[in-house]
PDB file of N, CA and C in Angstrom:
ATOM      1  N   MET A   1     164.268  67.270 243.614  1.00  0.00           N
ATOM      2  CA  MET A   1     165.288  67.375 244.481  1.00  0.00           C
ATOM      3  C   MET A   1     166.756  66.989 243.921  1.00  0.00           C
ATOM      4  N   GLY A   2     167.705  67.657 244.472  1.00  0.00           N
ATOM      5  CA  GLY A   2     169.060  67.297 243.914  1.00  0.00           C
ATOM      6  C   GLY A   2     169.641  65.787 244.490  1.00  0.00           C
ATOM      7  N   THR A   3     170.673  65.585 243.660  1.00  0.00           N
ATOM      8  CA  THR A   3     171.289  63.974 244.375  1.00  0.00           C
ATOM      9  C   THR A   3     172.283  64.056 244.951  1.00  0.00           C
ATOM     10  N   ASN A   4     172.926  63.092 245.812  1.00  0.00           N
ATOM     11  CA  ASN A   4     173.828  63.429 246.676  1.00  0.00           C
ATOM     12  C   ASN A   4     174.848  61.957 246.551  1.00  0.00           C
ATOM     13  N   SER A   5     175.548  62.111 245.357  1.00  0.00           N
ATOM     14  CA  SER A   5     176.435  60.895 245.211  1.00  0.00           C
ATOM     15  C   SER A   5     177.507  60.530 246.103  1.00  0.00           C
ATOM     16  N   GLN A   6     177.814  61.668 246.819  1.00  0.00           N
ATOM     17  CA  GLN A   6     178.942  61.319 247.963  1.00  0.00           C
ATOM     18  C   GLN A   6     178.229  61.186 249.342  1.00  0.00           C
ATOM     19  N   TYR A   7     177.419  61.536 249.541  1.00  0.00           N
ATOM     20  CA  TYR A   7     176.240  61.075 250.685  1.00  0.00           C
ATOM     21  C   TYR A   7     177.036  61.846 251.949  1.00  0.00           C
ATOM     22  N   GLU A   8     177.066  63.181 251.548  1.00  0.00           N
ATOM     23  CA  GLU A   8     177.735  63.856 252.660  1.00  0.00           C
ATOM     24  C   GLU A   8     176.451  64.482 253.568  1.00  0.00           C
ATOM     25  N   SER A   9     176.599  63.974 254.977  1.00  0.00           N
ATOM     26  CA  SER A   9     175.507  64.434 255.836  1.00  0.00           C
ATOM     27  C   SER A   9     175.648  64.482 257.424  1.00  0.00           C
ATOM     28  N   GLY A  10     174.678  64.727 258.072  1.00  0.00           N
ATOM     29  CA  GLY A  10     175.144  64.926 259.494  1.00  0.00           C
ATOM     30  C   GLY A  10     173.937  65.465 260.087  1.00  0.00           C
ATOM     31  N   MET A  11     174.063  65.349 261.646  1.00  0.00           N
ATOM     32  CA  MET A  11     172.810  66.078 262.613  1.00  0.00           C
ATOM     33  C   MET A  11     173.504  67.125 262.824  1.00  0.00           C
ATOM     34  N   GLY A  12     172.873  68.189 263.509  1.00  0.00           N
ATOM     35  CA  GLY A  12     173.414  69.305 264.277  1.00  0.00           C
ATOM     36  C   GLY A  12     172.048  70.025 264.916  1.00  0.00           C
ATOM     37  N   ARG A  13     172.475  71.161 265.499  1.00  0.00           N
ATOM     38  CA  ARG A  13     171.503  72.143 266.297  1.00  0.00           C
ATOM     39  C   ARG A  13     171.406  73.541 265.776  1.00  0.00           C
ATOM     40  N   ILE A  14     170.301  73.915 265.343  1.00  0.00           N
ATOM     41  CA  ILE A  14     169.916  75.505 265.327  1.00  0.00           C
ATOM     42  C   ILE A  14     169.120  75.932 266.016  1.00  0.00           C
ATOM     43  N   GLY A  15     169.599  77.024 267.080  1.00  0.00           N
ATOM     44  CA  GLY A  15     168.744  77.387 267.995  1.00  0.00           C
ATOM     45  C   GLY A  15     168.167  76.366 268.909  1.00  0.00           C
ATOM     46  N   GLY A  16     168.905  75.219 269.145  1.00  0.00           N
ATOM     47  CA  GLY A  16     168.498  74.405 270.053  1.00  0.00           C
ATOM     48  C   GLY A  16     167.444  73.411 269.587  1.00  0.00           C
ATOM     49  N   GLU A  17     167.203  73.487 268.240  1.00  0.00           N
ATOM     50  CA  GLU A  17     166.514  72.195 267.421  1.00  0.00           C
ATOM     51  C   GLU A  17     167.349  71.565 266.738  1.00  0.00           C
ATOM     52  N   VAL A  18     167.011  70.152 266.780  1.00  0.00           N
ATOM     53  CA  VAL A  18     167.719  69.077 266.402  1.00  0.00           C
ATOM     54  C   VAL A  18     167.622  69.186 264.811  1.00  0.00           C
ATOM     55  N   MET A  19     168.618  69.196 263.803  1.00  0.00           N
ATOM     56  CA  MET A  19     168.606  69.303 262.380  1.00  0.00           C
ATOM     57  C   MET A  19     169.290  68.086 261.776  1.00  0.00           C
ATOM     58  N   TYR A  20     168.741  67.516 260.836  1.00  0.00           N
ATOM     59  CA  TYR A  20     169.359  66.462 260.223  1.00  0.00           C
ATOM     60  C   TYR A  20     169.558  67.133 258.619  1.00  0.00           C
ATOM     61  N   TRP A  21     170.779  67.083 258.049  1.00  0.00           N
ATOM     62  CA  TRP A  21     171.314  67.793 256.899  1.00  0.00           C
ATOM     63  C   TRP A  21     171.891  66.830 255.897  1.00  0.00           C
ATOM     64  N   ASP A  22     171.999  67.009 254.577  1.00  0.00           N
ATOM     65  CA  ASP A  22     172.433  66.462 253.678  1.00  0.00           C
ATOM     66  C   ASP A  22     172.957  67.363 252.455  1.00  0.00           C
ATOM     67  N   LYS A  23     174.073  67.233 251.878  1.00  0.00           N
ATOM     68  CA  LYS A  23     174.451  67.933 250.581  1.00  0.00           C
ATOM     69  C   LYS A  23     174.051  67.442 249.462  1.00  0.00           C
ATOM     70  N   ASN A  24     173.704  68.282 248.643  1.00  0.00           N
ATOM     71  CA  ASN A  24     173.182  67.858 247.193  1.00  0.00           C
ATOM     72  C   ASN A  24     174.371  67.888 246.096  1.00  0.00           C
ATOM     73  N   ASP A  25     174.747  67.363 245.349  1.00  0.00           N
ATOM     74  CA  ASP A  25     176.083  67.366 244.356  1.00  0.00           C
ATOM     75  C   ASP A  25     175.983  68.861 243.383  1.00  0.00           C
ATOM     76  N   ASP A  26     174.961  69.709 243.687  1.00  0.00           N
ATOM     77  CA  ASP A  26     174.660  71.160 242.865  1.00  0.00           C
ATOM     78  C   ASP A  26     175.027  72.117 243.868  1.00  0.00           C
ATOM     79  N   GLY A  27     175.477  71.401 244.928  1.00  0.00           N
ATOM     80  CA  GLY A  27     176.167  72.286 246.103  1.00  0.00           C
ATOM     81  C   GLY A  27     175.415  73.090 247.274  1.00  0.00           C
ATOM     82  N   THR A  28     173.918  72.786 246.972  1.00  0.00           N
ATOM     83  CA  THR A  28     172.890  72.935 247.877  1.00  0.00           C
ATOM     84  C   THR A  28     172.777  72.155 248.631  1.00  0.00           C
ATOM     85  N   THR A  29     172.077  72.595 249.972  1.00  0.00           N
ATOM     86  CA  THR A  29     171.901  71.807 251.166  1.00  0.00           C
ATOM     87  C   THR A  29     170.527  71.335 251.657  1.00  0.00           C
ATOM     88  N   ASN A  30     169.993  70.453 251.695  1.00  0.00           N
ATOM     89  CA  ASN A  30     168.803  70.014 252.497  1.00  0.00           C
ATOM     90  C   ASN A  30     168.928  69.930 253.856  1.00  0.00           C
ATOM     91  N   ILE A  31     167.705  70.734 254.582  1.00  0.00           N
ATOM     92  CA  ILE A  31     168.096  70.801 255.948  1.00  0.00           C
ATOM     93  C   ILE A  31     166.674  70.364 256.388  1.00  0.00           C
ATOM     94  N   PHE A  32     166.412  69.321 257.518  1.00  0.00           N
ATOM     95  CA  PHE A  32     165.123  68.821 257.879  1.00  0.00           C
ATOM     96  C   PHE A  32     165.136  68.881 259.531  1.00  0.00           C
ATOM     97  N   PRO A  33     164.272  70.006 259.769  1.00  0.00           N
ATOM     98  CA  PRO A  33     164.144  70.392 261.294  1.00  0.00           C
ATOM     99  C   PRO A  33     163.659  69.304 261.744  1.00  0.00           C
ATOM    100  N   GLY A  34     163.958  68.843 263.056  1.00  0.00           N
ATOM    101  CA  GLY A  34     163.127  67.808 263.800  1.00  0.00           C
ATOM    102  C   GLY A  34     164.082  66.553 263.375  1.00  0.00           C
ATOM    103  N   GLY A  35     165.142  66.499 263.003  1.00  0.00           N
ATOM    104  CA  GLY A  35     165.786  65.435 262.536  1.00  0.00           C
ATOM    105  C   GLY A  35     165.498  64.494 261.200  1.00  0.00           C
ATOM    106  N   MET A  36     165.839  63.007 260.935  1.00  0.00           N
ATOM    107  CA  MET A  36     165.844  62.418 259.788  1.00  0.00           C
ATOM    108  C   MET A  36     164.266  62.715 259.552  1.00  0.00           C
ATOM    109  N   PRO A  37     164.081  62.581 258.211  1.00  0.00           N
ATOM    110  CA  PRO A  37     162.620  62.766 257.845  1.00  0.00           C
ATOM    111  C   PRO A  37     161.784  61.360 257.911  1.00  0.00           C
ATOM    112  N   GLY A  38     162.556  60.427 257.629  1.00  0.00           N
ATOM    113  CA  GLY A  38     161.718  58.798 257.351  1.00  0.00           C
ATOM    114  C   GLY A  38     160.617  59.188 256.401  1.00  0.00           C
ATOM    115  N   ALA A  39     159.468  58.304 256.776  1.00  0.00           N
ATOM    116  CA  ALA A  39     158.130  58.359 255.867  1.00  0.00           C
ATOM    117  C   ALA A  39     157.058  59.297 256.377  1.00  0.00           C
ATOM    118  N   ARG A  40     157.526  59.766 257.793  1.00  0.00           N
ATOM    119  CA  ARG A  40     156.670  60.944 258.217  1.00  0.00           C
ATOM    120  C   ARG A  40     156.364  62.330 257.709  1.00  0.00           C
ATOM    121  N   PRO A  41     155.464  63.253 257.708  1.00  0.00           N
ATOM    122  CA  PRO A  41     155.387  64.447 257.137  1.00  0.00           C
ATOM    123  C   PRO A  41     156.718  65.076 257.693  1.00  0.00           C
ATOM    124  N   HIS A  42     157.240  65.858 257.166  1.00  0.00           N
ATOM    125  CA  HIS A  42     158.498  66.628 257.557  1.00  0.00           C
ATOM    126  C   HIS A  42     158.744  68.104 256.859  1.00  0.00           C
ATOM    127  N   ASP A  43     159.250  68.774 257.668  1.00  0.00           N
ATOM    128  CA  ASP A  43     159.594  70.185 257.114  1.00  0.00           C
ATOM    129  C   ASP A  43     160.841  70.246 256.288  1.00  0.00           C
ATOM    130  N   HIS A  44     160.778  70.760 255.371  1.00  0.00           N
ATOM    131  CA  HIS A  44     162.294  70.754 254.516  1.00  0.00           C
ATOM    132  C   HIS A  44     162.595  71.926 254.092  1.00  0.00           C
ATOM    133  N   ILE A  45     163.925  72.244 254.308  1.00  0.00           N
ATOM    134  CA  ILE A  45     164.341  73.419 253.718  1.00  0.00           C
ATOM    135  C   ILE A  45     165.568  73.283 252.585  1.00  0.00           C
ATOM    136  N   VAL A  46     165.968  74.198 251.758  1.00  0.00           N
ATOM    137  CA  VAL A  46     167.001  73.831 250.716  1.00  0.00           C
ATOM    138  C   VAL A  46     167.565  75.094 250.641  1.00  0.00           C
ATOM    139  N   VAL A  47     169.134  75.456 250.985  1.00  0.00           N
ATOM    140  CA  VAL A  47     169.767  76.288 251.097  1.00  0.00           C
ATOM    141  C   VAL A  47     170.860  76.571 250.174  1.00  0.00           C
ATOM    142  N   ASN A  48     171.171  77.450 249.180  1.00  0.00           N
ATOM    143  CA  ASN A  48     172.369  77.479 248.444  1.00  0.00           C
ATOM    144  C   ASN A  48     173.776  77.831 249.175  1.00  0.00           C
ATOM    145  N   GLU A  49     174.581  77.968 248.429  1.00  0.00           N
ATOM    146  CA  GLU A  49     176.005  77.996 249.112  1.00  0.00           C
ATOM    147  C   GLU A  49     176.312  79.161 249.488  1.00  0.00           C
ATOM    148  N   ASP A  50     175.386  80.267 249.093  1.00  0.00           N
ATOM    149  CA  ASP A  50     175.653  81.614 249.849  1.00  0.00           C
ATOM    150  C   ASP A  50     174.582  81.663 251.068  1.00  0.00           C
ATOM    151  N   GLY A  51     173.861  80.665 251.447  1.00  0.00           N
ATOM    152  CA  GLY A  51     172.921  80.523 252.532  1.00  0.00           C
ATOM    153  C   GLY A  51     171.524  81.147 252.051  1.00  0.00           C
ATOM    154  N   GLY A  52     171.276  81.152 251.007  1.00  0.00           N
ATOM    155  CA  GLY A  52     169.808  81.667 250.554  1.00  0.00           C
ATOM    156  C   GLY A  52     169.254  80.672 250.593  1.00  0.00           C
ATOM    157  N   VAL A  53     167.748  80.790 251.014  1.00  0.00           N
ATOM    158  CA  VAL A  53     166.704  79.730 250.969  1.00  0.00           C
ATOM    159  C   VAL A  53     166.340  79.632 249.577  1.00  0.00           C
ATOM    160  N   GLU A  54     166.189  78.309 248.972  1.00  0.00           N
ATOM    161  CA  GLU A  54     165.597  78.166 247.599  1.00  0.00           C
ATOM    162  C   GLU A  54     164.356  77.482 247.665  1.00  0.00           C
ATOM    163  N   TYR A  55     163.999  76.452 248.727  1.00  0.00           N
ATOM    164  CA  TYR A  55     162.915  75.999 248.887  1.00  0.00           C
ATOM    165  C   TYR A  55     162.551  75.687 250.246  1.00  0.00           C
ATOM    166  N   MET A  56     161.239  75.996 250.787  1.00  0.00           N
ATOM    167  CA  MET A  56     160.876  75.797 252.173  1.00  0.00           C
ATOM    168  C   MET A  56     159.525  75.052 252.094  1.00  0.00           C
ATOM    169  N   ARG A  57     159.332  73.676 252.881  1.00  0.00           N
ATOM    170  CA  ARG A  57     157.884  73.430 253.099  1.00  0.00           C
ATOM    171  C   ARG A  57     157.903  73.176 254.685  1.00  0.00           C
ATOM    172  N   VAL A  58     156.881  73.868 255.074  1.00  0.00           N
ATOM    173  CA  VAL A  58     156.587  73.815 256.442  1.00  0.00           C
ATOM    174  C   VAL A  58     154.724  73.433 256.733  1.00  0.00           C
ATOM    175  N   ASP A  59     154.915  72.212 257.721  1.00  0.00           N
ATOM    176  CA  ASP A  59     153.363  72.084 257.998  1.00  0.00           C
ATOM    177  C   ASP A  59     152.864  71.346 256.539  1.00  0.00           C
ATOM    178  N   GLY A  60     153.666  70.910 255.669  1.00  0.00           N
ATOM    179  CA  GLY A  60     152.852  70.356 254.427  1.00  0.00           C
ATOM    180  C   GLY A  60     152.643  71.697 253.433  1.00  0.00           C
ATOM    181  N   GLU A  61     152.915  72.501 253.784  1.00  0.00           N
ATOM    182  CA  GLU A  61     152.932  73.715 252.842  1.00  0.00           C
ATOM    183  C   GLU A  61     153.898  74.610 252.266  1.00  0.00           C
ATOM    184  N   VAL A  62     154.147  74.469 250.782  1.00  0.00           N
ATOM    185  CA  VAL A  62     155.086  75.057 250.277  1.00  0.00           C
ATOM    186  C   VAL A  62     155.169  76.750 250.347  1.00  0.00           C
ATOM    187  N   ILE A  63     156.234  77.071 251.417  1.00  0.00           N
ATOM    188  CA  ILE A  63     156.406  78.572 251.247  1.00  0.00           C
ATOM    189  C   ILE A  63     157.004  79.194 250.393  1.00  0.00           C
ATOM    190  N   ASN A  64     158.086  78.672 249.926  1.00  0.00           N
ATOM    191  CA  ASN A  64     159.002  79.268 248.688  1.00  0.00           C
ATOM    192  C   ASN A  64     159.212  78.232 247.638  1.00  0.00           C
ATOM    193  N   ASP A  65     159.513  78.467 246.596  1.00  0.00           N
ATOM    194  CA  ASP A  65     160.036  77.446 245.755  1.00  0.00           C
ATOM    195  C   ASP A  65     160.652  77.884 244.430  1.00  0.00           C
ATOM    196  N   TYR A  66     161.978  78.778 244.797  1.00  0.00           N
ATOM    197  CA  TYR A  66     162.726  79.473 243.986  1.00  0.00           C
ATOM    198  C   TYR A  66     163.044  78.877 242.586  1.00  0.00           C
ATOM    199  N   ARG A  67     163.386  77.306 242.948  1.00  0.00           N
ATOM    200  CA  ARG A  67     163.976  76.466 241.739  1.00  0.00           C
ATOM    201  C   ARG A  67     162.951  75.552 241.133  1.00  0.00           C
ATOM    202  N   ASP A  68     161.885  76.040 241.829  1.00  0.00           N
ATOM    203  CA  ASP A  68     160.726  74.973 240.783  1.00  0.00           C
ATOM    204  C   ASP A  68     160.880  73.669 241.124  1.00  0.00           C
ATOM    205  N   TYR A  69     161.059  73.084 242.092  1.00  0.00           N
ATOM    206  CA  TYR A  69     161.282  71.819 242.414  1.00  0.00           C
ATOM    207  C   TYR A  69     160.235  70.920 242.399  1.00  0.00           C
ATOM    208  N   HIS A  70     158.810  71.459 242.337  1.00  0.00           N
ATOM    209  CA  HIS A  70     157.692  70.797 242.403  1.00  0.00           C
ATOM    210  C   HIS A  70     156.821  71.368 241.281  1.00  0.00           C
ATOM    211  N   GLY A  71     157.145  71.949 240.449  1.00  0.00           N
ATOM    212  CA  GLY A  71     156.485  72.714 239.437  1.00  0.00           C
ATOM    213  C   GLY A  71     156.359  72.085 238.267  1.00  0.00           C
TER     214      GLY A  71
END
């Protein structure tokens, strides 16, 4: 995954669901539905600056991995 040297992050809501997000130095944004992931299993979405989904893991299953994060 990308690095976040400036540590730009926050909490927000999308469709009434709490989300934690943080920016990567490459301009992508990590989104964690359900809040901060901690050590528990969590969903993870990475979007690019244009809003395109580059990576998505839901319920432990990788749905798409356009940037080959885990390849």
